[in-house]
Amino acid sequence: MILRFPPTACAIAAAASVLMAGCATQSKKAESEPVAAAAAPAAVSAPAPVAAPVKPEATKVVRKGPQPLTYDDVKKTARSAGSHAAASKRLVGKTVELELAKNNEGGRVPANAYAVPGADDTYFFCRNAPPGFSGGEVTAKIVKYAYRSDADIIAVDLDRCVPNATQASAPAAAPAPAVAPAPVAAAPASAAAPAAAKGGAKPGMDAQGNVIDSSKIEAGSGRTVKGINDFEGEITGNPAKNSKFTQLQIGMSVRQATDIAGPPTDQGAYMTGKAWIPFYFGSDRHRFEMTYKGQGRLIFAGGGMGDFSSGNLIWIIHNPNESGYR
């Protein structure tokens, strides 16, 4: 027979104590797990390497088709041509690439001339250039090639002188949105004609190539011709009716010219810039000019001061309105 006794107070207390100890252990374990998890450092990924900046390549001008001529090409062509007139036929219309510098030779050549550094007697003139242009590498088209007897230089006119560096770095313009043009009243044709004629005329000349003021004519404004004894010179303007100048030839002596044209209305001499060049002993240090009323002017080179009979005719200026006095 098994006897069962009711639990005593001590037994109850002991059981309660064991139960509480277990609960406390579970509670401490639960609390310690989050702390441990938080204490463990999280894995940090290494930062991705940053690429070094790429230096942009310099903008290059890529030209299609034939390459432009160099200054040496221009000189070789001129030498092989045999004359300035023949060189003009070969070079006009050609594209050249040149390193231009502002002319600094004072009065020897025009102030608006440019030269290739270290070159000779060939100078370049820009018919169109941006404000402040003072030189640099340009690519342009030759529109005129002529010998200027007044300064004894070869003058080459270029259509435009825009530095190549400016053309390469200029950003392409974004296309503008199409906008319907507003109606514009057409200007009378007669109003625009005088402006065009004035802009196309050379100093001392009108738009038709007639000389209207002989004193303002510049060398190179006419056509270069080869005369007798291989003399090269220039003829400017259009002759007057029945002018005796049409019988003259470049290279004639003063005596030959006066035998045909007769005595001049006025005459005089002047020195050229070459007279001031040290050790220059060429023939073009002085010029002799004869004016003929109603016909124009004749200019000779090669004579000495006080004796111009040995000079040769290098420039004929036709001017039907010539007053006859210098």
Protein backbone atom coordinates (compact mmCIF):
# COMPACT_ATOMS: atom_id res chain seq x y z
CA MET A 1 0.00 0.00 0.00
CA ILE A 2 1.48 3.28 -1.04
CA LEU A 3 0.86 6.19 1.15
CA ARG A 4 0.57 9.66 -0.53
CA PHE A 5 1.24 12.68 1.54
CA PRO A 6 0.26 16.17 0.52
CA PRO A 7 3.22 18.36 -0.53
CA THR A 8 4.73 20.32 2.21
CA ALA A 9 5.55 23.98 2.11
CA CYS A 10 9.24 23.20 1.73
CA ALA A 11 8.68 20.99 -1.27
CA ILE A 12 6.58 23.63 -2.94
CA ALA A 13 9.19 26.28 -2.31
CA ALA A 14 11.96 24.11 -3.74
CA ALA A 15 9.99 23.41 -6.92
CA ALA A 16 9.26 27.06 -7.39
CA SER A 17 12.89 27.94 -6.99
CA VAL A 18 13.98 25.44 -9.66
CA LEU A 19 11.36 26.78 -12.06
CA MET A 20 12.41 30.38 -11.60
CA ALA A 21 16.08 29.55 -12.12
CA GLY A 22 15.24 27.94 -15.48
CA CYS A 23 13.22 30.91 -16.62
CA ALA A 24 15.99 33.28 -15.65
CA THR A 25 18.53 31.25 -17.64
CA GLN A 26 16.32 31.31 -20.76
CA SER A 27 15.75 35.04 -20.36
CA LYS A 28 19.50 35.78 -20.07
CA LYS A 29 20.26 33.61 -23.10
CA ALA A 30 17.68 35.42 -25.18
CA GLU A 31 19.05 38.80 -24.13
CA SER A 32 22.67 37.84 -24.84
CA GLU A 33 22.06 36.67 -28.44
CA PRO A 34 21.01 40.07 -29.89
CA VAL A 35 23.90 41.77 -28.13
CA ALA A 36 26.37 39.30 -29.58
CA ALA A 37 24.87 39.71 -33.00
CA ALA A 38 25.10 43.48 -32.71
CA ALA A 39 28.67 43.32 -31.42
CA ALA A 40 29.88 41.26 -34.37
CA PRO A 41 31.14 43.68 -37.01
CA ALA A 42 29.33 43.46 -40.33
CA ALA A 43 31.42 42.65 -43.41
CA VAL A 44 32.21 45.89 -45.28
CA SER A 45 32.80 45.65 -49.01
CA ALA A 46 35.92 47.42 -50.34
CA PRO A 47 35.19 50.57 -52.40
CA ALA A 48 35.38 50.16 -56.16
CA PRO A 49 38.51 51.75 -57.66
CA VAL A 50 37.89 55.19 -59.23
CA ALA A 51 39.00 55.46 -62.87
CA ALA A 52 41.59 58.15 -63.57
CA PRO A 53 40.24 61.05 -65.66
CA VAL A 54 40.90 60.63 -69.37
CA LYS A 55 42.64 63.57 -71.00
CA PRO A 56 40.70 64.61 -74.08
CA GLU A 57 42.62 64.40 -77.30
CA ALA A 58 43.37 67.60 -79.16
CA THR A 59 40.94 68.41 -81.92
CA LYS A 60 42.43 67.66 -85.29
CA VAL A 61 41.42 69.12 -88.61
CA VAL A 62 40.85 66.28 -91.05
CA ARG A 63 40.94 67.41 -94.65
CA LYS A 64 39.53 65.39 -97.47
CA GLY A 65 40.81 65.51 -100.99
CA PRO A 66 44.12 67.05 -102.16
CA GLN A 67 46.38 68.44 -99.44
CA PRO A 68 47.03 72.21 -99.52
CA LEU A 69 50.27 73.60 -100.91
CA THR A 70 53.06 74.72 -98.60
CA TYR A 71 55.08 77.90 -98.94
CA ASP A 72 57.91 75.90 -100.51
CA ASP A 73 55.44 74.48 -103.04
CA VAL A 74 54.40 78.02 -103.98
CA LYS A 75 58.00 79.10 -104.50
CA LYS A 76 58.89 76.00 -106.53
CA THR A 77 55.86 76.51 -108.78
CA ALA A 78 56.75 80.17 -109.31
CA ARG A 79 60.37 79.35 -110.19
CA SER A 80 59.43 76.59 -112.60
CA ALA A 81 56.83 78.81 -114.32
CA GLY A 82 59.51 81.15 -115.63
CA SER A 83 57.49 84.37 -115.26
CA HIS A 84 55.09 86.02 -112.84
CA ALA A 85 52.26 85.82 -115.37
CA ALA A 86 52.76 82.08 -115.84
CA ALA A 87 53.05 81.56 -112.08
CA SER A 88 49.75 83.40 -111.61
CA LYS A 89 47.99 81.00 -113.98
CA ARG A 90 49.35 78.00 -112.08
CA LEU A 91 48.71 79.23 -108.54
CA VAL A 92 45.47 81.22 -108.60
CA GLY A 93 42.69 78.99 -107.29
CA LYS A 94 45.06 76.72 -105.35
CA THR A 95 44.71 76.18 -101.59
CA VAL A 96 47.73 76.84 -99.38
CA GLU A 97 48.56 76.30 -95.71
CA LEU A 98 50.88 78.95 -94.30
CA GLU A 99 52.27 80.23 -91.02
CA LEU A 100 51.80 83.99 -91.40
CA ALA A 101 53.40 86.75 -89.36
CA LYS A 102 52.69 90.48 -89.40
CA ASN A 103 55.06 92.38 -91.65
CA ASN A 104 57.46 94.52 -89.63
CA GLU A 105 59.73 95.92 -92.29
CA GLY A 106 58.47 99.46 -91.97
CA GLY A 107 58.04 101.36 -95.21
CA ARG A 108 59.56 98.74 -97.49
CA VAL A 109 56.28 96.90 -98.01
CA PRO A 110 52.64 97.80 -97.21
CA ALA A 111 51.67 97.70 -93.54
CA ASN A 112 48.81 95.29 -94.19
CA ALA A 113 51.12 92.61 -95.58
CA TYR A 114 51.93 89.29 -93.91
CA ALA A 115 55.04 87.22 -94.42
CA VAL A 116 56.14 83.66 -93.81
CA PRO A 117 58.85 83.88 -91.11
CA GLY A 118 62.30 83.52 -92.58
CA ALA A 119 61.00 83.78 -96.17
CA ASP A 120 62.04 86.08 -99.00
CA ASP A 121 60.27 88.77 -101.04
CA THR A 122 56.83 87.13 -101.21
CA TYR A 123 54.12 88.77 -99.09
CA PHE A 124 50.50 87.83 -98.45
CA PHE A 125 47.41 90.02 -98.23
CA CYS A 126 44.15 88.88 -96.61
CA ARG A 127 40.98 89.98 -98.33
CA ASN A 128 38.94 88.77 -95.36
CA ALA A 129 40.20 88.28 -91.80
CA PRO A 130 38.68 88.35 -88.29
CA PRO A 131 39.15 91.51 -86.16
CA GLY A 132 42.54 91.62 -84.47
CA PHE A 133 44.13 89.02 -86.76
CA SER A 134 47.92 89.35 -86.45
CA GLY A 135 49.11 86.06 -87.92
CA GLY A 136 49.13 82.33 -87.32
CA GLU A 137 48.62 79.15 -89.32
CA VAL A 138 45.91 79.60 -91.93
CA THR A 139 44.52 77.58 -94.81
CA ALA A 140 43.26 79.77 -97.65
CA LYS A 141 42.79 79.99 -101.40
CA ILE A 142 45.03 82.09 -103.63
CA VAL A 143 42.90 84.63 -105.52
CA LYS A 144 45.69 86.74 -107.00
CA TYR A 145 49.43 86.42 -107.65
CA ALA A 146 51.31 89.41 -109.05
CA TYR A 147 54.58 91.33 -109.00
CA ARG A 148 54.26 94.77 -107.37
CA SER A 149 56.77 97.03 -109.03
CA ASP A 150 56.30 99.87 -106.52
CA ALA A 151 57.81 97.81 -103.67
CA ASP A 152 59.59 95.13 -105.73
CA ILE A 153 57.72 92.31 -104.01
CA ILE A 154 55.53 89.40 -105.05
CA ALA A 155 52.03 90.01 -103.70
CA VAL A 156 49.75 87.03 -103.10
CA ASP A 157 46.11 87.75 -102.20
CA LEU A 158 44.32 85.15 -100.03
CA ASP A 159 40.55 84.85 -99.93
CA ARG A 160 40.36 84.65 -96.11
CA CYS A 161 42.76 84.40 -93.16
CA VAL A 162 41.11 82.57 -90.29
CA PRO A 163 43.56 80.78 -87.93
CA ASN A 164 43.30 76.99 -88.22
CA ALA A 165 43.28 76.67 -84.41
CA THR A 166 40.14 78.81 -84.26
CA GLN A 167 38.39 76.69 -86.88
CA ALA A 168 39.30 73.42 -85.07
CA SER A 169 38.17 74.53 -81.60
CA ALA A 170 34.95 76.26 -82.61
CA PRO A 171 31.95 74.14 -81.48
CA ALA A 172 29.44 73.15 -84.09
CA ALA A 173 26.39 75.32 -83.93
CA ALA A 174 23.20 73.54 -82.90
CA PRO A 175 20.55 73.66 -85.59
CA ALA A 176 18.02 76.33 -84.85
CA PRO A 177 14.35 75.41 -84.85
CA ALA A 178 12.63 76.16 -88.09
CA VAL A 179 10.74 79.41 -87.88
CA ALA A 180 8.50 80.70 -90.56
CA PRO A 181 10.20 83.80 -91.98
CA ALA A 182 8.37 87.04 -91.60
CA PRO A 183 7.49 88.72 -94.88
CA VAL A 184 10.13 91.27 -95.82
CA ALA A 185 9.57 93.99 -98.35
CA ALA A 186 11.99 93.58 -101.24
CA ALA A 187 14.49 96.43 -101.49
CA PRO A 188 14.74 98.17 -104.87
CA ALA A 189 17.53 96.71 -106.97
CA SER A 190 18.80 100.19 -107.78
CA ALA A 191 19.49 100.91 -104.09
CA ALA A 192 21.81 97.91 -103.64
CA ALA A 193 23.78 98.38 -106.86
CA PRO A 194 25.94 101.41 -105.83
CA ALA A 195 27.03 99.71 -102.58
CA ALA A 196 28.18 96.58 -104.42
CA ALA A 197 30.06 98.62 -106.98
CA LYS A 198 31.84 100.65 -104.29
CA GLY A 199 32.87 97.58 -102.33
CA GLY A 200 34.31 95.83 -105.38
CA ALA A 201 36.36 98.79 -106.68
CA LYS A 202 40.08 99.18 -106.03
CA PRO A 203 41.66 102.44 -104.83
CA GLY A 204 41.60 105.06 -107.56
CA MET A 205 39.37 102.93 -109.80
CA ASP A 206 35.69 102.30 -110.39
CA ALA A 207 33.95 98.93 -110.49
CA GLN A 208 34.42 98.68 -114.29
CA GLY A 209 38.23 98.86 -114.00
CA ASN A 210 38.55 102.47 -115.16
CA VAL A 211 41.13 104.68 -113.45
CA ILE A 212 39.51 107.78 -111.95
CA ASP A 213 42.42 109.05 -109.79
CA SER A 214 45.94 108.14 -110.92
CA SER A 215 47.52 109.33 -107.66
CA LYS A 216 45.64 106.68 -105.65
CA ILE A 217 46.36 103.69 -107.87
CA GLU A 218 48.18 100.84 -106.13
CA ALA A 219 50.59 98.43 -107.76
CA GLY A 220 48.95 95.10 -108.45
CA SER A 221 45.59 96.63 -109.37
CA GLY A 222 46.13 95.97 -113.07
CA ARG A 223 47.37 93.04 -115.12
CA THR A 224 50.96 91.78 -115.17
CA VAL A 225 52.50 91.54 -118.64
CA LYS A 226 55.87 90.63 -120.14
CA GLY A 227 57.26 93.14 -122.61
CA ILE A 228 60.32 93.49 -124.77
CA ASN A 229 63.65 92.01 -123.61
CA ASP A 230 61.74 89.90 -121.04
CA PHE A 231 60.87 92.95 -118.93
CA GLU A 232 57.87 92.40 -116.68
CA GLY A 233 55.53 95.20 -115.75
CA GLU A 234 51.93 96.19 -115.21
CA ILE A 235 49.16 97.84 -117.21
CA THR A 236 46.29 99.40 -115.25
CA GLY A 237 42.99 100.84 -116.44
CA ASN A 238 41.38 101.16 -119.86
CA PRO A 239 42.91 103.39 -122.55
CA ALA A 240 41.30 106.58 -123.75
CA LYS A 241 39.98 106.76 -127.28
CA ASN A 242 42.85 107.13 -129.79
CA SER A 243 45.39 106.98 -126.93
CA LYS A 244 49.03 106.67 -128.00
CA PHE A 245 49.65 104.54 -124.88
CA THR A 246 48.27 101.53 -126.73
CA GLN A 247 51.40 101.53 -128.93
CA LEU A 248 53.76 101.35 -125.96
CA GLN A 249 55.35 98.18 -124.58
CA ILE A 250 56.67 97.33 -121.15
CA GLY A 251 60.47 97.47 -121.19
CA MET A 252 60.78 100.43 -123.57
CA SER A 253 63.34 103.11 -122.74
CA VAL A 254 62.35 106.68 -121.98
CA ARG A 255 63.47 107.73 -125.47
CA GLN A 256 61.44 105.00 -127.17
CA ALA A 257 58.34 105.90 -125.18
CA THR A 258 58.54 109.64 -125.88
CA ASP A 259 59.13 108.99 -129.58
CA ILE A 260 55.67 107.34 -129.59
CA ALA A 261 53.70 109.23 -126.95
CA GLY A 262 55.37 112.61 -127.38
CA PRO A 263 56.52 114.95 -124.61
CA PRO A 264 54.69 114.68 -121.28
CA THR A 265 52.51 117.35 -119.72
CA ASP A 266 54.43 116.97 -116.45
CA GLN A 267 57.19 114.75 -115.07
CA GLY A 268 59.12 114.05 -111.89
CA ALA A 269 61.23 111.54 -109.99
CA TYR A 270 61.03 109.93 -106.57
CA MET A 271 62.98 107.38 -104.53
CA THR A 272 61.61 103.95 -103.66
CA GLY A 273 62.01 102.13 -100.36
CA LYS A 274 64.94 100.19 -101.81
CA ALA A 275 67.08 103.30 -101.74
CA TRP A 276 67.25 102.90 -97.94
CA ILE A 277 68.21 99.21 -97.92
CA PRO A 278 71.90 98.86 -96.95
CA PHE A 279 74.10 97.31 -99.65
CA TYR A 280 71.23 97.22 -102.17
CA PHE A 281 72.65 98.04 -105.60
CA GLY A 282 69.69 97.04 -107.76
CA SER A 283 68.15 99.19 -110.47
CA ASP A 284 64.86 100.05 -108.79
CA ARG A 285 66.04 102.59 -106.23
CA HIS A 286 64.48 105.49 -108.16
CA ARG A 287 61.39 105.94 -110.29
CA PHE A 288 60.67 108.43 -113.07
CA GLU A 289 57.06 109.37 -113.79
CA MET A 290 55.63 111.16 -116.82
CA THR A 291 52.01 112.37 -116.97
CA TYR A 292 49.99 112.95 -120.13
CA LYS A 293 46.80 114.96 -120.02
CA GLY A 294 43.79 112.90 -121.13
CA GLN A 295 45.86 109.71 -121.47
CA GLY A 296 47.43 108.72 -118.14
CA ARG A 297 50.88 108.11 -116.67
CA LEU A 298 54.08 106.23 -117.57
CA ILE A 299 56.46 105.03 -114.86
CA PHE A 300 60.08 104.04 -115.49
CA ALA A 301 62.63 102.29 -113.27
CA GLY A 302 66.36 101.78 -113.56
CA GLY A 303 67.60 105.29 -114.11
CA GLY A 304 69.69 107.23 -111.60
CA MET A 305 68.77 110.49 -109.93
CA GLY A 306 69.44 113.21 -112.52
CA ASP A 307 69.72 110.81 -115.44
CA PHE A 308 66.59 108.83 -116.28
CA SER A 309 67.34 108.16 -119.95
CA SER A 310 68.50 104.63 -119.08
CA GLY A 311 65.27 103.73 -117.28
CA ASN A 312 62.77 101.23 -118.66
CA LEU A 313 58.99 101.39 -118.74
CA ILE A 314 57.52 99.17 -116.01
CA TRP A 315 54.01 100.57 -115.51
CA ILE A 316 51.39 102.03 -117.85
CA ILE A 317 48.38 103.71 -116.20
CA HIS A 318 45.52 104.49 -118.60
CA ASN A 319 43.34 107.37 -117.40
CA PRO A 320 41.20 109.35 -119.88
CA ASN A 321 40.52 111.86 -117.08
CA GLU A 322 44.21 112.50 -116.27
CA SER A 323 44.75 116.19 -115.49
CA GLY A 324 48.34 115.99 -116.65
CA TYR A 325 49.87 117.24 -113.40
CA ARG A 326 51.41 115.18 -110.62
